[in-house]
Amino acid sequence: QLEGIDAVCRFSIAAHPQPPLILQPQPNAKVRATRPSFSWTENQDAASYAWQLSRDASFDTPLAEQPAVKTSEVRAPESLPYGRYYWRVASRDHDGKLGPYTQALPFELVPEPPAPAPGEPTSHRGGLVLSWPQGAEGQSYRVQLAREPGFAHPAIDQTLATPELKLDKLRSGTWYVRVQTLDTDGYAGPWGATQKTRIGCAACRWALIGGGAALVLLML
């Protein structure tokens, strides 16, 4: 144990102005826009904000930075390749003093889930069987059926874990079908192309058969 004369060491921590709160993207979020936007709350003590984007958490060589953002949002200056990134933001007061940055906030830039390409709908005992290619592990699918191609009032709107849907006892006539992929974080990809199919009238077919039988009896 070392002993000596008591001393006072004065130091200060640059904790003000405090950094804003983060809105998006949140830590470890999946981002799909190749030129993403970054936003935060407005600090009442801040005149502007300093924003940085980096490939690593050290920010030794930022990919992009803006030292005096006047709003609470900034967009990446150019499209980015898919991969892992980090961003952070700090407040700057009216005297130009820069406060501490937020911690390094990681996010993943990933492609949108592809729009499913359903196969041709097939009839099955008066119903309809829909299928499409399997997506990535953990993805699910939303399927809509409607009488009109605008899908303003879908008769069927279901979310499925597997890429197939069997529908029994559908009313006869024309139906429109579309499918979209839901990613593991709940993000909904674009709708696939609208498919059109027609369900025949079983009652009409039986009426024709019955009418034909009656005609045969009359001829006997």
Protein backbone atom coordinates (compact mmCIF):
# COMPACT_ATOMS: atom_id res chain seq x y z
CA GLN A 1 0.00 0.00 0.00
CA LEU A 2 1.35 3.37 -1.03
CA GLU A 3 0.79 6.39 1.14
CA GLY A 4 1.38 10.05 0.40
CA ILE A 5 0.08 13.55 0.75
CA ASP A 6 -3.61 13.99 0.04
CA ALA A 7 -4.30 15.82 -3.19
CA VAL A 8 -7.29 17.06 -5.12
CA CYS A 9 -7.48 16.43 -8.84
CA ARG A 10 -10.07 18.49 -10.66
CA PHE A 11 -11.61 17.09 -13.84
CA SER A 12 -14.81 17.48 -15.79
CA ILE A 13 -16.89 15.13 -17.90
CA ALA A 14 -18.38 16.48 -21.13
CA ALA A 15 -21.84 15.03 -20.54
CA HIS A 16 -23.84 17.96 -21.89
CA PRO A 17 -25.65 18.47 -24.05
CA GLN A 18 -26.97 14.94 -23.72
CA PRO A 19 -27.48 12.91 -26.89
CA PRO A 20 -31.04 12.55 -28.23
CA LEU A 21 -33.10 9.39 -27.97
CA ILE A 22 -32.98 7.04 -30.93
CA LEU A 23 -36.04 6.45 -33.12
CA GLN A 24 -34.77 4.40 -36.05
CA PRO A 25 -33.11 2.19 -36.85
CA GLN A 26 -33.12 0.59 -33.44
CA PRO A 27 -30.11 -1.54 -32.36
CA ASN A 28 -29.81 -4.78 -34.36
CA ALA A 29 -32.76 -3.85 -36.57
CA LYS A 30 -33.09 -5.13 -40.13
CA VAL A 31 -33.09 -2.28 -42.65
CA ARG A 32 -34.09 -2.83 -46.27
CA ALA A 33 -33.75 0.56 -47.93
CA THR A 34 -30.30 0.61 -49.54
CA ARG A 35 -30.14 4.32 -48.77
CA PRO A 36 -31.49 4.22 -45.22
CA SER A 37 -32.80 7.07 -43.09
CA PHE A 38 -31.79 7.72 -39.47
CA SER A 39 -33.94 9.64 -37.00
CA TRP A 40 -33.94 10.68 -33.35
CA THR A 41 -35.86 12.87 -30.89
CA GLU A 42 -35.26 16.61 -30.62
CA ASN A 43 -33.11 17.66 -27.66
CA GLN A 44 -34.31 21.05 -26.39
CA ASP A 45 -30.72 21.97 -25.46
CA ALA A 46 -29.39 21.22 -28.94
CA ALA A 47 -28.95 23.64 -31.83
CA SER A 48 -27.79 20.87 -34.18
CA TYR A 49 -26.58 17.27 -34.20
CA ALA A 50 -23.48 15.38 -35.30
CA TRP A 51 -24.20 12.10 -37.10
CA GLN A 52 -21.81 9.32 -38.13
CA LEU A 53 -22.07 6.04 -40.03
CA SER A 54 -19.41 3.34 -39.91
CA ARG A 55 -18.64 -0.26 -40.83
CA ASP A 56 -17.20 -0.90 -37.35
CA ALA A 57 -18.07 0.14 -33.81
CA SER A 58 -14.86 2.12 -33.31
CA PHE A 59 -15.74 4.81 -35.90
CA ASP A 60 -12.01 5.20 -36.66
CA THR A 61 -12.84 5.70 -40.35
CA PRO A 62 -16.52 6.69 -40.73
CA LEU A 63 -18.20 5.89 -44.02
CA ALA A 64 -20.22 9.11 -43.76
CA GLU A 65 -20.72 11.93 -41.28
CA GLN A 66 -22.51 15.24 -40.95
CA PRO A 67 -21.23 17.50 -38.14
CA ALA A 68 -24.12 20.00 -38.01
CA VAL A 69 -27.49 18.45 -38.87
CA LYS A 70 -30.23 21.02 -38.24
CA THR A 71 -33.11 18.52 -38.24
CA SER A 72 -33.74 15.29 -36.33
CA GLU A 73 -33.31 13.08 -39.37
CA VAL A 74 -30.62 12.33 -41.92
CA ARG A 75 -30.38 9.99 -44.89
CA ALA A 76 -27.32 8.07 -46.01
CA PRO A 77 -25.63 10.10 -48.79
CA GLU A 78 -25.57 7.12 -51.17
CA SER A 79 -26.81 3.56 -51.56
CA LEU A 80 -25.03 1.02 -49.36
CA PRO A 81 -24.16 -2.63 -50.04
CA TYR A 82 -25.85 -5.22 -47.85
CA GLY A 83 -24.11 -5.95 -44.57
CA ARG A 84 -23.64 -4.83 -40.97
CA TYR A 85 -23.27 -1.13 -40.09
CA TYR A 86 -23.09 1.11 -37.04
CA TRP A 87 -24.38 4.63 -36.50
CA ARG A 88 -24.40 7.20 -33.72
CA VAL A 89 -25.48 10.76 -33.05
CA ALA A 90 -24.56 13.55 -30.61
CA SER A 91 -26.10 16.91 -29.67
CA ARG A 92 -24.38 20.25 -30.24
CA ASP A 93 -25.48 23.23 -28.13
CA HIS A 94 -25.96 26.87 -29.18
CA ASP A 95 -22.33 27.66 -28.29
CA GLY A 96 -21.06 24.95 -30.61
CA LYS A 97 -20.12 22.52 -27.84
CA LEU A 98 -20.51 18.88 -28.85
CA GLY A 99 -21.85 16.50 -26.22
CA PRO A 100 -21.18 12.76 -26.00
CA TYR A 101 -22.24 10.41 -28.79
CA THR A 102 -24.74 7.65 -28.27
CA GLN A 103 -23.27 4.19 -28.12
CA ALA A 104 -22.50 2.53 -31.44
CA LEU A 105 -25.87 1.34 -32.77
CA PRO A 106 -25.61 -1.73 -35.03
CA PHE A 107 -28.05 -2.59 -37.80
CA GLU A 108 -28.21 -5.05 -40.69
CA LEU A 109 -28.88 -3.91 -44.24
CA VAL A 110 -30.69 -6.84 -45.88
CA PRO A 111 -32.61 -7.35 -49.14
CA GLU A 112 -36.40 -7.36 -49.21
CA PRO A 113 -38.00 -10.80 -49.20
CA PRO A 114 -38.87 -11.66 -52.79
CA ALA A 115 -42.46 -11.52 -53.97
CA PRO A 116 -43.79 -15.10 -54.17
CA ALA A 117 -44.53 -16.49 -57.60
CA PRO A 118 -47.53 -18.79 -57.11
CA GLY A 119 -48.02 -21.69 -59.44
CA GLU A 120 -51.20 -21.96 -61.43
CA PRO A 121 -54.13 -22.49 -58.99
CA THR A 122 -55.54 -26.02 -59.27
CA SER A 123 -59.04 -27.24 -58.49
CA HIS A 124 -59.59 -29.98 -55.93
CA ARG A 125 -63.06 -31.46 -55.33
CA GLY A 126 -64.79 -28.15 -55.86
CA GLY A 127 -62.16 -26.22 -53.95
CA LEU A 128 -58.85 -24.59 -54.74
CA VAL A 129 -55.23 -25.53 -53.97
CA LEU A 130 -52.65 -22.73 -54.00
CA SER A 131 -48.90 -23.25 -53.71
CA TRP A 132 -45.71 -21.26 -54.26
CA PRO A 133 -41.92 -21.70 -53.72
CA GLN A 134 -40.65 -22.06 -50.17
CA GLY A 135 -38.91 -18.93 -48.84
CA ALA A 136 -36.11 -18.64 -46.29
CA GLU A 137 -36.32 -20.43 -42.95
CA GLY A 138 -38.74 -18.77 -40.55
CA GLN A 139 -40.59 -16.75 -43.19
CA SER A 140 -44.38 -16.92 -43.39
CA TYR A 141 -46.90 -15.94 -46.05
CA ARG A 142 -50.04 -13.83 -46.34
CA VAL A 143 -52.63 -14.95 -48.89
CA GLN A 144 -55.66 -13.02 -50.10
CA LEU A 145 -58.56 -14.10 -52.32
CA ALA A 146 -61.12 -11.64 -53.65
CA ARG A 147 -63.83 -11.34 -56.26
CA GLU A 148 -62.20 -8.27 -57.80
CA PRO A 149 -58.53 -7.58 -58.68
CA GLY A 150 -58.27 -4.56 -56.38
CA PHE A 151 -58.64 -6.69 -53.20
CA ALA A 152 -60.63 -3.92 -51.51
CA HIS A 153 -62.74 -6.53 -49.68
CA PRO A 154 -60.91 -9.87 -49.68
CA ALA A 155 -63.05 -12.91 -48.93
CA ILE A 156 -59.97 -14.77 -47.65
CA ASP A 157 -57.05 -13.13 -45.81
CA GLN A 158 -54.81 -15.65 -44.05
CA THR A 159 -51.25 -15.92 -42.75
CA LEU A 160 -49.58 -19.30 -43.22
CA ALA A 161 -46.37 -20.94 -42.05
CA THR A 162 -46.15 -23.19 -45.12
CA PRO A 163 -46.32 -22.25 -48.82
CA GLU A 164 -49.65 -23.94 -49.55
CA LEU A 165 -53.32 -23.22 -48.97
CA LYS A 166 -56.28 -25.56 -49.56
CA LEU A 167 -59.72 -23.97 -49.80
CA ASP A 168 -62.84 -26.12 -49.86
CA LYS A 169 -66.37 -25.24 -50.89
CA LEU A 170 -65.55 -22.00 -52.65
CA ARG A 171 -68.44 -20.35 -54.45
CA SER A 172 -68.32 -20.73 -58.18
CA GLY A 173 -67.11 -17.93 -60.41
CA THR A 174 -63.95 -15.89 -60.89
CA TRP A 175 -61.43 -15.45 -58.05
CA TYR A 176 -58.29 -13.32 -57.78
CA VAL A 177 -55.35 -14.43 -55.65
CA ARG A 178 -52.16 -12.77 -54.39
CA VAL A 179 -49.40 -13.72 -51.91
CA GLN A 180 -46.72 -11.80 -50.00
CA THR A 181 -43.79 -12.98 -47.87
CA LEU A 182 -43.53 -11.98 -44.19
CA ASP A 183 -39.94 -11.95 -42.94
CA THR A 184 -38.87 -13.26 -39.54
CA ASP A 185 -39.06 -9.75 -38.02
CA GLY A 186 -42.61 -9.24 -39.31
CA TYR A 187 -41.63 -7.11 -42.31
CA ALA A 188 -44.07 -7.57 -45.20
CA GLY A 189 -42.48 -7.87 -48.62
CA PRO A 190 -44.16 -6.79 -51.87
CA TRP A 191 -47.25 -8.56 -53.11
CA GLY A 192 -46.67 -11.10 -55.84
CA ALA A 193 -48.43 -10.88 -59.18
CA THR A 194 -52.22 -11.20 -59.04
CA GLN A 195 -53.45 -14.61 -60.22
CA LYS A 196 -56.89 -15.24 -61.72
CA THR A 197 -58.80 -18.51 -61.66
CA ARG A 198 -62.36 -19.76 -62.05
CA ILE A 199 -64.29 -22.28 -59.97
CA GLY A 200 -66.92 -24.19 -61.94
CA CYS A 201 -70.51 -24.59 -60.79
CA ALA A 202 -71.00 -28.14 -59.49
CA ALA A 203 -74.77 -27.62 -59.14
CA CYS A 204 -74.91 -26.50 -62.77
CA ARG A 205 -73.08 -29.64 -63.86
CA TRP A 206 -75.52 -31.85 -61.92
CA ALA A 207 -78.46 -29.97 -63.45
CA LEU A 208 -77.13 -30.63 -66.92
CA ILE A 209 -76.67 -34.32 -66.12
CA GLY A 210 -80.17 -34.53 -64.64
CA GLY A 211 -81.70 -32.75 -67.62
CA GLY A 212 -79.99 -35.13 -70.00
CA ALA A 213 -81.33 -38.13 -68.10
CA ALA A 214 -84.88 -36.75 -68.23
CA LEU A 215 -84.58 -36.29 -72.00
CA VAL A 216 -83.50 -39.91 -72.40
CA LEU A 217 -86.54 -41.08 -70.39
CA LEU A 218 -88.89 -39.04 -72.57
CA MET A 219 -87.45 -40.63 -75.68
CA LEU A 220 -88.10 -44.15 -74.41
